Every structure is written in structure tokens, then in C-alpha cells.
Amino acid sequence: MASFIMKNRNVGWLIIGISIFIGFIIWLFNSGMIEILSSTCSHGPSCSMYSSLRYQTWLSIGIALVVFVIGLFLILARENEKIIVKKIKPLASLKPREFDKKSLKHLDKTEQEIMNLILENNGSIFQSEIVDKTGVGKVRVTRILDSLEAQGLIERKRRGMTNIVMLKHE
């Protein structure tokens, strides 16, 4: 199945062509009606049918002009700008730094517990969950996370009223 995309300018030219075709049809119709009126109406130009024909002619010309102006607008209008959407990899697709138990030996017991908790949760966890799961107070958890962040092991991202604690990515 082929896709068919037309630019505004091409559509504008098409619409102008249609308006010219409408104008030609109006001219043909008018010529035919004037011939019919001149042969059937005995009153001449004062016949009421002539005024009806004039009204219909001007209405038709007005419609053709509106179509023409729309075509002209499309030709002269600027093309839509391309919107570039930059796709950002979700955090889950980024590979966290590899940690083994030996690399965590230099940490104290609570720091190791928090690092293991982060590792068990696929590399990210809410700071409030750390407080809940470890039983350590908020202030102490914050200080421990400050220390782990200074060592380049984790990073924190603000999310609403809490932080997400994530393993530092390489």
C-alpha cells in the first residue's frame, strides 16, 4: 500500500485549479442561461429571470473566489515545522555499575545493608522505602545516602515529596 502525502503548496495549487474550473463552469452555465432567457423571455432585460440569474451568478463567483483564496493561502503559508522528538532511554534500560560483594567490603554495616537493598530492587528504590525497610531514621538514612553519593556509588533524583535512590550509571 503506497502512502500519498501532499504538501500545503501542492494542495493550494490543486484548489486554485478547482476554483478556475468552477469559474469556467459558471461562465458556461451563464452563457447557456442567457441564450435560453433571451429566446424565451419576451420582456427583455427587465424580465425577473434576469435578476435571478444575476444573483445566482454573483453567488457562484463568490464561492469560486473563496475557494481561490483558500488555495492562495495554502500556497503562501509556511510549511509546518518539523517537530523533533528526542527519545530518552528509560532508566531501566541503562546498565548500572556492576557491584560485587568485595567492592562493598569497605562500607560499614548500615551502608552495606542499604546498598544491598538498592541492588535487590533492580538498582532503584524510594528513599522512604529505605527508611521503612531498614528501620533506620530519616536523618541517618539521608546522611548515609550523602556518603554513598559522595563515593560515587549512588545518585538521588527528586520525585515529588521524596527521592529515588539509584545506582550510579557508568
C-alpha atoms as a PDB file:
ATOM      1  CA  MET A   1       0.000   0.000   0.000  1.00  0.00           C
ATOM      2  CA  ALA A   2       1.560   3.302  -1.093  1.00  0.00           C
ATOM      3  CA  SER A   3       1.314   6.354   1.098  1.00  0.00           C
ATOM      4  CA  PHE A   4       0.188   9.594  -0.510  1.00  0.00           C
ATOM      5  CA  ILE A   5       1.363  12.770   1.187  1.00  0.00           C
ATOM      6  CA  MET A   6       0.688  16.204  -0.287  1.00  0.00           C
ATOM      7  CA  LYS A   7       2.368  19.371   0.873  1.00  0.00           C
ATOM      8  CA  ASN A   8       0.312  22.503   1.563  1.00  0.00           C
ATOM      9  CA  ARG A   9       1.669  24.192  -1.554  1.00  0.00           C
ATOM     10  CA  ASN A  10       0.578  21.312  -3.816  1.00  0.00           C
ATOM     11  CA  VAL A  11      -2.878  21.243  -2.221  1.00  0.00           C
ATOM     12  CA  GLY A  12      -3.087  25.021  -2.741  1.00  0.00           C
ATOM     13  CA  TRP A  13      -2.353  24.685  -6.461  1.00  0.00           C
ATOM     14  CA  LEU A  14      -4.931  21.907  -6.714  1.00  0.00           C
ATOM     15  CA  ILE A  15      -7.577  24.067  -5.027  1.00  0.00           C
ATOM     16  CA  ILE A  16      -6.775  27.042  -7.295  1.00  0.00           C
ATOM     17  CA  GLY A  17      -7.174  24.726 -10.301  1.00  0.00           C
ATOM     18  CA  ILE A  18     -10.544  23.609  -8.953  1.00  0.00           C
ATOM     19  CA  SER A  19     -11.642  27.236  -8.460  1.00  0.00           C
ATOM     20  CA  ILE A  20     -10.676  28.070 -12.055  1.00  0.00           C
ATOM     21  CA  PHE A  21     -12.639  25.026 -13.226  1.00  0.00           C
ATOM     22  CA  ILE A  22     -15.628  26.221 -11.172  1.00  0.00           C
ATOM     23  CA  GLY A  23     -15.280  29.667 -12.807  1.00  0.00           C
ATOM     24  CA  PHE A  24     -15.318  28.042 -16.267  1.00  0.00           C
ATOM     25  CA  ILE A  25     -18.461  26.064 -15.373  1.00  0.00           C
ATOM     26  CA  ILE A  26     -20.116  29.287 -14.123  1.00  0.00           C
ATOM     27  CA  TRP A  27     -19.285  31.028 -17.415  1.00  0.00           C
ATOM     28  CA  LEU A  28     -20.678  28.089 -19.445  1.00  0.00           C
ATOM     29  CA  PHE A  29     -23.833  27.961 -17.335  1.00  0.00           C
ATOM     30  CA  ASN A  30     -24.315  31.750 -17.601  1.00  0.00           C
ATOM     31  CA  SER A  31     -23.849  31.731 -21.377  1.00  0.00           C
ATOM     32  CA  GLY A  32     -26.383  28.938 -21.761  1.00  0.00           C
ATOM     33  CA  MET A  33     -28.911  30.580 -19.431  1.00  0.00           C
ATOM     34  CA  ILE A  34     -28.633  33.977 -21.183  1.00  0.00           C
ATOM     35  CA  GLU A  35     -29.331  32.277 -24.527  1.00  0.00           C
ATOM     36  CA  ILE A  36     -32.338  30.479 -23.068  1.00  0.00           C
ATOM     37  CA  LEU A  37     -33.653  33.665 -21.401  1.00  0.00           C
ATOM     38  CA  SER A  38     -33.219  35.799 -24.495  1.00  0.00           C
ATOM     39  CA  SER A  39     -35.186  33.320 -26.599  1.00  0.00           C
ATOM     40  CA  THR A  40     -37.963  32.583 -24.055  1.00  0.00           C
ATOM     41  CA  CYS A  41     -38.483  35.812 -22.116  1.00  0.00           C
ATOM     42  CA  SER A  42     -40.457  38.386 -24.104  1.00  0.00           C
ATOM     43  CA  HIS A  43     -39.859  41.272 -21.626  1.00  0.00           C
ATOM     44  CA  GLY A  44     -36.152  41.552 -22.449  1.00  0.00           C
ATOM     45  CA  PRO A  45     -33.637  42.577 -19.780  1.00  0.00           C
ATOM     46  CA  SER A  46     -36.451  43.789 -17.470  1.00  0.00           C
ATOM     47  CA  CYS A  47     -37.609  40.165 -17.007  1.00  0.00           C
ATOM     48  CA  SER A  48     -37.420  38.939 -13.389  1.00  0.00           C
ATOM     49  CA  MET A  49     -35.489  35.856 -14.501  1.00  0.00           C
ATOM     50  CA  TYR A  50     -32.516  38.055 -15.428  1.00  0.00           C
ATOM     51  CA  SER A  51     -32.243  39.359 -11.852  1.00  0.00           C
ATOM     52  CA  SER A  52     -32.454  35.799 -10.523  1.00  0.00           C
ATOM     53  CA  LEU A  53     -29.659  34.779 -12.920  1.00  0.00           C
ATOM     54  CA  ARG A  54     -27.511  37.760 -11.810  1.00  0.00           C
ATOM     55  CA  TYR A  55     -27.996  36.788  -8.138  1.00  0.00           C
ATOM     56  CA  GLN A  56     -27.038  33.158  -8.796  1.00  0.00           C
ATOM     57  CA  THR A  57     -24.042  34.234 -10.887  1.00  0.00           C
ATOM     58  CA  TRP A  58     -22.643  36.528  -8.181  1.00  0.00           C
ATOM     59  CA  LEU A  59     -23.190  33.867  -5.523  1.00  0.00           C
ATOM     60  CA  SER A  60     -21.331  31.299  -7.663  1.00  0.00           C
ATOM     61  CA  ILE A  61     -18.484  33.736  -8.370  1.00  0.00           C
ATOM     62  CA  GLY A  62     -18.241  34.478  -4.630  1.00  0.00           C
ATOM     63  CA  ILE A  63     -17.945  30.778  -3.816  1.00  0.00           C
ATOM     64  CA  ALA A  64     -15.287  30.328  -6.525  1.00  0.00           C
ATOM     65  CA  LEU A  65     -13.342  33.309  -5.129  1.00  0.00           C
ATOM     66  CA  VAL A  66     -13.454  31.887  -1.591  1.00  0.00           C
ATOM     67  CA  VAL A  67     -12.091  28.573  -2.898  1.00  0.00           C
ATOM     68  CA  PHE A  68      -9.410  30.507  -4.837  1.00  0.00           C
ATOM     69  CA  VAL A  69      -8.372  32.470  -1.711  1.00  0.00           C
ATOM     70  CA  ILE A  70      -8.091  29.246   0.303  1.00  0.00           C
ATOM     71  CA  GLY A  71      -5.812  27.815  -2.386  1.00  0.00           C
ATOM     72  CA  LEU A  72      -3.737  31.002  -2.410  1.00  0.00           C
ATOM     73  CA  PHE A  73      -3.441  30.890   1.374  1.00  0.00           C
ATOM     74  CA  LEU A  74      -2.168  27.312   1.255  1.00  0.00           C
ATOM     75  CA  ILE A  75       0.401  28.218  -1.395  1.00  0.00           C
ATOM     76  CA  LEU A  76       1.724  31.211   0.527  1.00  0.00           C
ATOM     77  CA  ALA A  77       1.525  29.685   4.024  1.00  0.00           C
ATOM     78  CA  ARG A  78       4.728  28.461   5.600  1.00  0.00           C
ATOM     79  CA  GLU A  79       5.128  24.714   5.755  1.00  0.00           C
ATOM     80  CA  ASN A  80       4.721  23.149   9.154  1.00  0.00           C
ATOM     81  CA  GLU A  81       7.977  22.963  11.026  1.00  0.00           C
ATOM     82  CA  LYS A  82       9.261  19.537  11.790  1.00  0.00           C
ATOM     83  CA  ILE A  83       8.945  18.674  15.423  1.00  0.00           C
ATOM     84  CA  ILE A  84      11.918  16.698  16.590  1.00  0.00           C
ATOM     85  CA  VAL A  85      11.182  14.409  19.455  1.00  0.00           C
ATOM     86  CA  LYS A  86      14.237  13.235  21.293  1.00  0.00           C
ATOM     87  CA  LYS A  87      13.688   9.866  22.830  1.00  0.00           C
ATOM     88  CA  ILE A  88      15.267   9.400  26.198  1.00  0.00           C
ATOM     89  CA  LYS A  89      16.191   5.930  27.286  1.00  0.00           C
ATOM     90  CA  PRO A  90      14.202   4.878  30.310  1.00  0.00           C
ATOM     91  CA  LEU A  91      16.311   4.407  33.422  1.00  0.00           C
ATOM     92  CA  ALA A  92      15.528   0.708  33.436  1.00  0.00           C
ATOM     93  CA  SER A  93      17.333   0.256  30.103  1.00  0.00           C
ATOM     94  CA  LEU A  94      20.532   1.901  31.346  1.00  0.00           C
ATOM     95  CA  LYS A  95      23.057  -0.535  32.722  1.00  0.00           C
ATOM     96  CA  PRO A  96      24.002   0.194  36.333  1.00  0.00           C
ATOM     97  CA  ARG A  97      27.561  -0.224  37.502  1.00  0.00           C
ATOM     98  CA  GLU A  98      28.369  -3.778  38.401  1.00  0.00           C
ATOM     99  CA  PHE A  99      28.921  -4.319  42.104  1.00  0.00           C
ATOM    100  CA  ASP A 100      30.273  -7.382  43.750  1.00  0.00           C
ATOM    101  CA  LYS A 101      30.413  -8.141  47.437  1.00  0.00           C
ATOM    102  CA  LYS A 102      34.172  -7.365  47.572  1.00  0.00           C
ATOM    103  CA  SER A 103      33.623  -3.803  46.300  1.00  0.00           C
ATOM    104  CA  LEU A 104      31.198  -3.175  49.182  1.00  0.00           C
ATOM    105  CA  LYS A 105      33.554  -4.503  51.913  1.00  0.00           C
ATOM    106  CA  HIS A 106      34.923  -1.035  52.731  1.00  0.00           C
ATOM    107  CA  LEU A 107      31.403   0.174  53.668  1.00  0.00           C
ATOM    108  CA  ASP A 108      30.061  -0.044  57.209  1.00  0.00           C
ATOM    109  CA  LYS A 109      27.241  -2.457  58.073  1.00  0.00           C
ATOM    110  CA  THR A 110      24.352   0.008  57.532  1.00  0.00           C
ATOM    111  CA  GLU A 111      25.827   1.292  54.235  1.00  0.00           C
ATOM    112  CA  GLN A 112      26.180  -2.316  53.030  1.00  0.00           C
ATOM    113  CA  GLU A 113      22.573  -3.042  54.067  1.00  0.00           C
ATOM    114  CA  ILE A 114      21.305  -0.013  52.109  1.00  0.00           C
ATOM    115  CA  MET A 115      23.422  -0.892  49.041  1.00  0.00           C
ATOM    116  CA  ASN A 116      22.147  -4.486  49.129  1.00  0.00           C
ATOM    117  CA  LEU A 117      18.562  -3.168  49.397  1.00  0.00           C
ATOM    118  CA  ILE A 118      19.121  -0.980  46.301  1.00  0.00           C
ATOM    119  CA  LEU A 119      20.655  -3.913  44.417  1.00  0.00           C
ATOM    120  CA  GLU A 120      17.738  -6.196  45.381  1.00  0.00           C
ATOM    121  CA  ASN A 121      15.302  -3.616  43.916  1.00  0.00           C
ATOM    122  CA  ASN A 122      16.929  -3.628  40.457  1.00  0.00           C
ATOM    123  CA  GLY A 123      19.087  -0.603  41.123  1.00  0.00           C
ATOM    124  CA  SER A 124      16.473   1.923  42.265  1.00  0.00           C
ATOM    125  CA  ILE A 125      14.298   2.460  45.314  1.00  0.00           C
ATOM    126  CA  PHE A 126      12.437   5.306  47.000  1.00  0.00           C
ATOM    127  CA  GLN A 127      14.309   6.862  49.902  1.00  0.00           C
ATOM    128  CA  SER A 128      11.205   6.457  52.083  1.00  0.00           C
ATOM    129  CA  GLU A 129      11.246   2.693  51.372  1.00  0.00           C
ATOM    130  CA  ILE A 130      14.834   2.515  52.627  1.00  0.00           C
ATOM    131  CA  VAL A 131      13.712   4.141  55.876  1.00  0.00           C
ATOM    132  CA  ASP A 132      10.794   1.685  56.180  1.00  0.00           C
ATOM    133  CA  LYS A 133      12.739  -1.484  55.293  1.00  0.00           C
ATOM    134  CA  THR A 134      15.874  -0.786  57.331  1.00  0.00           C
ATOM    135  CA  GLY A 135      14.264   0.751  60.398  1.00  0.00           C
ATOM    136  CA  VAL A 136      16.938   3.463  60.363  1.00  0.00           C
ATOM    137  CA  GLY A 137      15.761   7.037  60.988  1.00  0.00           C
ATOM    138  CA  LYS A 138      15.220   9.523  58.150  1.00  0.00           C
ATOM    139  CA  VAL A 139      18.096  11.772  59.188  1.00  0.00           C
ATOM    140  CA  ARG A 140      20.592   8.910  59.449  1.00  0.00           C
ATOM    141  CA  VAL A 141      19.453   7.441  56.092  1.00  0.00           C
ATOM    142  CA  THR A 142      19.944  10.872  54.500  1.00  0.00           C
ATOM    143  CA  ARG A 143      23.486  11.107  55.911  1.00  0.00           C
ATOM    144  CA  ILE A 144      24.340   7.569  54.781  1.00  0.00           C
ATOM    145  CA  LEU A 145      22.994   8.334  51.295  1.00  0.00           C
ATOM    146  CA  ASP A 146      25.070  11.554  51.263  1.00  0.00           C
ATOM    147  CA  SER A 147      28.146   9.448  51.988  1.00  0.00           C
ATOM    148  CA  LEU A 148      27.310   6.836  49.327  1.00  0.00           C
ATOM    149  CA  GLU A 149      26.651   9.602  46.813  1.00  0.00           C
ATOM    150  CA  ALA A 150      29.998  11.250  47.639  1.00  0.00           C
ATOM    151  CA  GLN A 151      31.704   7.902  46.980  1.00  0.00           C
ATOM    152  CA  GLY A 152      30.063   7.773  43.543  1.00  0.00           C
ATOM    153  CA  LEU A 153      28.039   4.646  44.291  1.00  0.00           C
ATOM    154  CA  ILE A 154      24.528   6.114  44.057  1.00  0.00           C
ATOM    155  CA  GLU A 155      22.631   9.150  42.848  1.00  0.00           C
ATOM    156  CA  ARG A 156      19.364  10.672  44.032  1.00  0.00           C
ATOM    157  CA  LYS A 157      16.643  12.186  41.868  1.00  0.00           C
ATOM    158  CA  ARG A 158      13.868  14.300  43.326  1.00  0.00           C
ATOM    159  CA  ARG A 159      10.381  12.903  42.658  1.00  0.00           C
ATOM    160  CA  GLY A 160       7.616  14.913  44.277  1.00  0.00           C
ATOM    161  CA  MET A 161       7.990  14.802  48.032  1.00  0.00           C
ATOM    162  CA  THR A 162      10.612  12.038  48.046  1.00  0.00           C
ATOM    163  CA  ASN A 163      13.810  10.933  46.319  1.00  0.00           C
ATOM    164  CA  ILE A 164      14.525   7.952  44.132  1.00  0.00           C
ATOM    165  CA  VAL A 165      17.844   6.425  45.047  1.00  0.00           C
ATOM    166  CA  MET A 166      19.571   4.769  42.077  1.00  0.00           C
ATOM    167  CA  LEU A 167      22.842   3.051  41.454  1.00  0.00           C
ATOM    168  CA  LYS A 168      25.260   5.384  39.704  1.00  0.00           C
ATOM    169  CA  HIS A 169      25.423   4.586  35.983  1.00  0.00           C
ATOM    170  CA  GLU A 170      28.712   4.361  34.169  1.00  0.00           C
END
